[in-house]
Amino acid sequence: MDRVAGNLAKAFALLVGAPVLGLLSYDSLAVRPHIADLRSVLSNANPLDAEPPKLVRDLIDANSGSPTPYATRLVVNRVYGEQTHAKWHVRSALWRLLLPLHFTDMEMYGFYATLAYNGRDLGLGNFAAREYRKPMDRLSPEEAAHVVAITHHPSGYIKDRERHTRRAQLLLVKSGHTD
């Protein structure tokens, strides 16, 4: 029986310990060297992009379920630029696990709002200023929904305002911000 327990302990150590050790090693070699640069992105961002208002955060959640997957994709693209398809998926999966260990939920919303392409440049605040001539904290729910909706398909929604409006209305309903 002791032999079986010993073999189970070894198997457990290999099955759990090896992947955890690999993940920690990847974190040390690939993620941690970029943390200072990523913190700089947020500290240099429009303050309302770095810490989006609650309404915008609710709409981001309605748009993508959580800011983490989209924010991670934006961060990985910023760090590595263009990549092969398979390599991008592996990096993205690893960073999706590790990035939230280094950044708070609010910072993940900040990456989403700061690095999102809006059809012309980056940032939800830039889109709000361009479209509505207002900062994000002064947008109506409908305006905020349009600002967040643009991240779903920027080039398409810039050309097709009706589709953009339909997406914004969907986000309002999903987020519970309808009248």
C-alpha atoms as a PDB file:
ATOM      1  CA  MET A   1       0.000   0.000   0.000  1.00  0.00           C
ATOM      2  CA  ASP A   2       2.873   2.362   0.775  1.00  0.00           C
ATOM      3  CA  ARG A   3       4.265   1.732  -2.664  1.00  0.00           C
ATOM      4  CA  VAL A   4       0.945   2.659  -4.301  1.00  0.00           C
ATOM      5  CA  ALA A   5       0.703   5.828  -2.210  1.00  0.00           C
ATOM      6  CA  GLY A   6       4.265   6.756  -3.131  1.00  0.00           C
ATOM      7  CA  ASN A   7       3.581   6.235  -6.828  1.00  0.00           C
ATOM      8  CA  LEU A   8       0.388   8.305  -6.562  1.00  0.00           C
ATOM      9  CA  ALA A   9       2.321  11.103  -4.870  1.00  0.00           C
ATOM     10  CA  LYS A  10       4.942  11.033  -7.628  1.00  0.00           C
ATOM     11  CA  ALA A  11       2.275  11.011 -10.329  1.00  0.00           C
ATOM     12  CA  PHE A  12       0.492  13.914  -8.653  1.00  0.00           C
ATOM     13  CA  ALA A  13       3.744  15.855  -8.385  1.00  0.00           C
ATOM     14  CA  LEU A  14       4.437  15.301 -12.073  1.00  0.00           C
ATOM     15  CA  LEU A  15       0.908  16.048 -13.262  1.00  0.00           C
ATOM     16  CA  VAL A  16       0.439  19.166 -11.139  1.00  0.00           C
ATOM     17  CA  GLY A  17       3.933  20.307 -10.219  1.00  0.00           C
ATOM     18  CA  ALA A  18       5.459  20.254 -13.687  1.00  0.00           C
ATOM     19  CA  PRO A  19       2.784  22.460 -15.316  1.00  0.00           C
ATOM     20  CA  VAL A  20       2.815  24.886 -12.381  1.00  0.00           C
ATOM     21  CA  LEU A  21       6.609  25.089 -12.535  1.00  0.00           C
ATOM     22  CA  GLY A  22       6.416  25.634 -16.302  1.00  0.00           C
ATOM     23  CA  LEU A  23       3.820  28.381 -15.874  1.00  0.00           C
ATOM     24  CA  LEU A  24       5.895  30.128 -13.214  1.00  0.00           C
ATOM     25  CA  SER A  25       8.965  29.898 -15.421  1.00  0.00           C
ATOM     26  CA  TYR A  26       7.077  31.364 -18.374  1.00  0.00           C
ATOM     27  CA  ASP A  27       5.838  34.152 -16.125  1.00  0.00           C
ATOM     28  CA  SER A  28       9.384  34.985 -15.056  1.00  0.00           C
ATOM     29  CA  LEU A  29      10.809  34.901 -18.561  1.00  0.00           C
ATOM     30  CA  ALA A  30       7.999  36.242 -20.742  1.00  0.00           C
ATOM     31  CA  VAL A  31       5.525  38.265 -18.679  1.00  0.00           C
ATOM     32  CA  ARG A  32       7.390  39.926 -15.810  1.00  0.00           C
ATOM     33  CA  PRO A  33       9.900  41.725 -18.074  1.00  0.00           C
ATOM     34  CA  HIS A  34       6.971  43.673 -19.592  1.00  0.00           C
ATOM     35  CA  ILE A  35       5.141  44.594 -16.378  1.00  0.00           C
ATOM     36  CA  ALA A  36       6.844  48.000 -15.974  1.00  0.00           C
ATOM     37  CA  ASP A  37       6.059  48.966 -19.581  1.00  0.00           C
ATOM     38  CA  LEU A  38       2.446  47.882 -19.150  1.00  0.00           C
ATOM     39  CA  ARG A  39       2.107  49.864 -15.918  1.00  0.00           C
ATOM     40  CA  SER A  40       3.481  52.830 -17.857  1.00  0.00           C
ATOM     41  CA  VAL A  41       0.749  52.382 -20.483  1.00  0.00           C
ATOM     42  CA  LEU A  42      -1.882  52.815 -17.789  1.00  0.00           C
ATOM     43  CA  SER A  43      -0.139  55.660 -15.978  1.00  0.00           C
ATOM     44  CA  ASN A  44       0.208  57.614 -19.246  1.00  0.00           C
ATOM     45  CA  ALA A  45      -3.332  56.878 -20.415  1.00  0.00           C
ATOM     46  CA  ASN A  46      -6.308  59.183 -20.322  1.00  0.00           C
ATOM     47  CA  PRO A  47      -7.440  58.835 -16.667  1.00  0.00           C
ATOM     48  CA  LEU A  48     -10.940  57.784 -17.743  1.00  0.00           C
ATOM     49  CA  ASP A  49      -9.452  55.086 -19.967  1.00  0.00           C
ATOM     50  CA  ALA A  50      -7.127  53.889 -17.209  1.00  0.00           C
ATOM     51  CA  GLU A  51     -10.081  53.681 -14.793  1.00  0.00           C
ATOM     52  CA  PRO A  52     -13.299  53.582 -16.808  1.00  0.00           C
ATOM     53  CA  PRO A  53     -16.539  54.712 -15.150  1.00  0.00           C
ATOM     54  CA  LYS A  54     -18.889  52.034 -13.816  1.00  0.00           C
ATOM     55  CA  LEU A  55     -21.310  52.439 -16.716  1.00  0.00           C
ATOM     56  CA  VAL A  56     -18.510  51.774 -19.209  1.00  0.00           C
ATOM     57  CA  ARG A  57     -17.279  48.780 -17.177  1.00  0.00           C
ATOM     58  CA  ASP A  58     -20.800  47.333 -17.160  1.00  0.00           C
ATOM     59  CA  LEU A  59     -20.999  47.746 -20.922  1.00  0.00           C
ATOM     60  CA  ILE A  60     -17.559  46.158 -21.388  1.00  0.00           C
ATOM     61  CA  ASP A  61     -18.803  43.160 -19.406  1.00  0.00           C
ATOM     62  CA  ALA A  62     -21.914  43.025 -21.608  1.00  0.00           C
ATOM     63  CA  ASN A  63     -19.704  43.239 -24.719  1.00  0.00           C
ATOM     64  CA  SER A  64     -17.232  40.526 -23.819  1.00  0.00           C
ATOM     65  CA  GLY A  65     -18.226  38.898 -20.523  1.00  0.00           C
ATOM     66  CA  SER A  66     -15.086  40.176 -18.835  1.00  0.00           C
ATOM     67  CA  PRO A  67     -12.339  42.588 -19.803  1.00  0.00           C
ATOM     68  CA  THR A  68      -9.620  39.947 -19.373  1.00  0.00           C
ATOM     69  CA  PRO A  69      -9.760  38.055 -22.711  1.00  0.00           C
ATOM     70  CA  TYR A  70      -9.927  41.190 -24.870  1.00  0.00           C
ATOM     71  CA  ALA A  71      -7.461  43.129 -22.718  1.00  0.00           C
ATOM     72  CA  THR A  72      -5.056  40.202 -22.842  1.00  0.00           C
ATOM     73  CA  ARG A  73      -5.295  40.077 -26.623  1.00  0.00           C
ATOM     74  CA  LEU A  74      -4.548  43.795 -26.820  1.00  0.00           C
ATOM     75  CA  VAL A  75      -1.594  43.492 -24.436  1.00  0.00           C
ATOM     76  CA  VAL A  76      -0.133  40.470 -26.268  1.00  0.00           C
ATOM     77  CA  ASN A  77      -0.402  42.351 -29.573  1.00  0.00           C
ATOM     78  CA  ARG A  78       1.301  45.361 -28.000  1.00  0.00           C
ATOM     79  CA  VAL A  79       4.142  43.289 -26.562  1.00  0.00           C
ATOM     80  CA  TYR A  80       4.767  40.928 -29.480  1.00  0.00           C
ATOM     81  CA  GLY A  81       3.224  42.614 -32.518  1.00  0.00           C
ATOM     82  CA  GLU A  82       2.343  40.417 -35.478  1.00  0.00           C
ATOM     83  CA  GLN A  83       2.787  36.703 -34.884  1.00  0.00           C
ATOM     84  CA  THR A  84       2.066  33.369 -36.464  1.00  0.00           C
ATOM     85  CA  HIS A  85      -1.388  32.036 -35.722  1.00  0.00           C
ATOM     86  CA  ALA A  86      -0.359  29.056 -33.549  1.00  0.00           C
ATOM     87  CA  LYS A  87       2.219  31.000 -31.543  1.00  0.00           C
ATOM     88  CA  TRP A  88      -0.285  33.791 -30.902  1.00  0.00           C
ATOM     89  CA  HIS A  89      -2.843  31.347 -29.482  1.00  0.00           C
ATOM     90  CA  VAL A  90      -0.337  29.739 -27.137  1.00  0.00           C
ATOM     91  CA  ARG A  91       0.967  33.099 -25.913  1.00  0.00           C
ATOM     92  CA  SER A  92      -2.524  34.460 -25.526  1.00  0.00           C
ATOM     93  CA  ALA A  93      -3.634  31.476 -23.442  1.00  0.00           C
ATOM     94  CA  LEU A  94      -0.608  31.742 -21.161  1.00  0.00           C
ATOM     95  CA  TRP A  95      -0.906  35.510 -20.782  1.00  0.00           C
ATOM     96  CA  ARG A  96      -4.641  35.164 -20.058  1.00  0.00           C
ATOM     97  CA  LEU A  97      -3.722  33.032 -17.053  1.00  0.00           C
ATOM     98  CA  LEU A  98      -0.812  35.182 -15.887  1.00  0.00           C
ATOM     99  CA  LEU A  99      -1.774  38.803 -16.582  1.00  0.00           C
ATOM    100  CA  PRO A 100      -4.533  38.875 -13.917  1.00  0.00           C
ATOM    101  CA  LEU A 101      -1.927  37.780 -11.355  1.00  0.00           C
ATOM    102  CA  HIS A 102      -0.070  41.048 -11.955  1.00  0.00           C
ATOM    103  CA  PHE A 103      -2.952  43.466 -12.568  1.00  0.00           C
ATOM    104  CA  THR A 104      -6.225  44.196 -10.788  1.00  0.00           C
ATOM    105  CA  ASP A 105      -9.626  43.944 -12.428  1.00  0.00           C
ATOM    106  CA  MET A 106      -9.701  47.735 -12.759  1.00  0.00           C
ATOM    107  CA  GLU A 107      -6.342  47.668 -14.533  1.00  0.00           C
ATOM    108  CA  MET A 108      -7.684  45.029 -16.936  1.00  0.00           C
ATOM    109  CA  TYR A 109     -10.593  47.369 -17.717  1.00  0.00           C
ATOM    110  CA  GLY A 110      -7.959  50.065 -18.153  1.00  0.00           C
ATOM    111  CA  PHE A 111      -6.068  48.027 -20.753  1.00  0.00           C
ATOM    112  CA  TYR A 112      -9.328  47.351 -22.555  1.00  0.00           C
ATOM    113  CA  ALA A 113     -10.306  51.022 -22.662  1.00  0.00           C
ATOM    114  CA  THR A 114      -6.798  52.344 -23.385  1.00  0.00           C
ATOM    115  CA  LEU A 115      -5.592  49.905 -26.053  1.00  0.00           C
ATOM    116  CA  ALA A 116      -8.850  49.217 -27.912  1.00  0.00           C
ATOM    117  CA  TYR A 117      -8.880  50.295 -31.538  1.00  0.00           C
ATOM    118  CA  ASN A 118     -11.802  52.642 -32.154  1.00  0.00           C
ATOM    119  CA  GLY A 119     -11.823  52.903 -35.943  1.00  0.00           C
ATOM    120  CA  ARG A 120      -9.234  55.675 -36.153  1.00  0.00           C
ATOM    121  CA  ASP A 121      -6.875  55.427 -33.189  1.00  0.00           C
ATOM    122  CA  LEU A 122      -6.738  53.822 -29.743  1.00  0.00           C
ATOM    123  CA  GLY A 123      -8.819  54.413 -26.668  1.00  0.00           C
ATOM    124  CA  LEU A 124     -12.451  54.606 -25.737  1.00  0.00           C
ATOM    125  CA  GLY A 125     -11.911  58.111 -24.381  1.00  0.00           C
ATOM    126  CA  ASN A 126     -10.656  59.267 -27.776  1.00  0.00           C
ATOM    127  CA  PHE A 127     -13.747  57.843 -29.460  1.00  0.00           C
ATOM    128  CA  ALA A 128     -16.053  59.485 -26.886  1.00  0.00           C
ATOM    129  CA  ALA A 129     -14.338  62.838 -27.392  1.00  0.00           C
ATOM    130  CA  ARG A 130     -14.440  62.521 -31.183  1.00  0.00           C
ATOM    131  CA  GLU A 131     -18.053  61.326 -31.435  1.00  0.00           C
ATOM    132  CA  TYR A 132     -19.741  63.143 -28.550  1.00  0.00           C
ATOM    133  CA  ARG A 133     -17.279  65.863 -27.522  1.00  0.00           C
ATOM    134  CA  LYS A 134     -17.544  64.618 -23.931  1.00  0.00           C
ATOM    135  CA  PRO A 135     -15.379  62.681 -21.499  1.00  0.00           C
ATOM    136  CA  MET A 136     -16.576  59.146 -20.777  1.00  0.00           C
ATOM    137  CA  ASP A 137     -17.868  60.006 -17.312  1.00  0.00           C
ATOM    138  CA  ARG A 138     -20.397  62.442 -18.833  1.00  0.00           C
ATOM    139  CA  LEU A 139     -21.830  60.101 -21.479  1.00  0.00           C
ATOM    140  CA  SER A 140     -25.449  58.995 -21.426  1.00  0.00           C
ATOM    141  CA  PRO A 141     -25.994  55.216 -21.319  1.00  0.00           C
ATOM    142  CA  GLU A 142     -26.756  55.220 -25.060  1.00  0.00           C
ATOM    143  CA  GLU A 143     -23.608  57.178 -25.882  1.00  0.00           C
ATOM    144  CA  ALA A 144     -21.482  54.968 -23.637  1.00  0.00           C
ATOM    145  CA  ALA A 145     -22.947  51.878 -25.310  1.00  0.00           C
ATOM    146  CA  HIS A 146     -21.897  53.247 -28.710  1.00  0.00           C
ATOM    147  CA  VAL A 147     -18.404  53.902 -27.371  1.00  0.00           C
ATOM    148  CA  VAL A 148     -17.984  50.349 -26.088  1.00  0.00           C
ATOM    149  CA  ALA A 149     -19.764  48.755 -29.065  1.00  0.00           C
ATOM    150  CA  ILE A 150     -17.190  50.163 -31.476  1.00  0.00           C
ATOM    151  CA  THR A 151     -14.599  47.717 -30.082  1.00  0.00           C
ATOM    152  CA  HIS A 152     -16.612  44.758 -31.372  1.00  0.00           C
ATOM    153  CA  HIS A 153     -16.022  45.588 -35.056  1.00  0.00           C
ATOM    154  CA  PRO A 154     -14.442  49.039 -35.477  1.00  0.00           C
ATOM    155  CA  SER A 155     -13.938  49.162 -39.231  1.00  0.00           C
ATOM    156  CA  GLY A 156     -17.374  47.692 -39.912  1.00  0.00           C
ATOM    157  CA  TYR A 157     -19.242  49.889 -37.467  1.00  0.00           C
ATOM    158  CA  ILE A 158     -17.573  53.081 -38.681  1.00  0.00           C
ATOM    159  CA  LYS A 159     -18.945  52.299 -42.157  1.00  0.00           C
ATOM    160  CA  ASP A 160     -22.336  50.956 -41.037  1.00  0.00           C
ATOM    161  CA  ARG A 161     -23.801  53.149 -38.298  1.00  0.00           C
ATOM    162  CA  GLU A 162     -27.047  51.172 -38.243  1.00  0.00           C
ATOM    163  CA  ARG A 163     -25.219  47.961 -37.268  1.00  0.00           C
ATOM    164  CA  HIS A 164     -23.255  49.973 -34.713  1.00  0.00           C
ATOM    165  CA  THR A 165     -26.502  51.237 -33.183  1.00  0.00           C
ATOM    166  CA  ARG A 166     -27.968  47.712 -33.074  1.00  0.00           C
ATOM    167  CA  ARG A 167     -24.858  46.485 -31.246  1.00  0.00           C
ATOM    168  CA  ALA A 168     -25.067  49.398 -28.792  1.00  0.00           C
ATOM    169  CA  GLN A 169     -28.735  48.610 -28.098  1.00  0.00           C
ATOM    170  CA  LEU A 170     -27.847  44.972 -27.461  1.00  0.00           C
ATOM    171  CA  LEU A 171     -25.187  46.060 -24.947  1.00  0.00           C
ATOM    172  CA  LEU A 172     -27.675  48.310 -23.175  1.00  0.00           C
ATOM    173  CA  VAL A 173     -30.088  45.406 -22.797  1.00  0.00           C
ATOM    174  CA  LYS A 174     -27.394  42.924 -21.714  1.00  0.00           C
ATOM    175  CA  SER A 175     -25.975  45.367 -19.167  1.00  0.00           C
ATOM    176  CA  GLY A 176     -29.374  46.308 -17.742  1.00  0.00           C
ATOM    177  CA  HIS A 177     -28.983  49.996 -18.597  1.00  0.00           C
ATOM    178  CA  THR A 178     -32.209  50.364 -20.582  1.00  0.00           C
ATOM    179  CA  ASP A 179     -34.986  52.658 -19.459  1.00  0.00           C
END
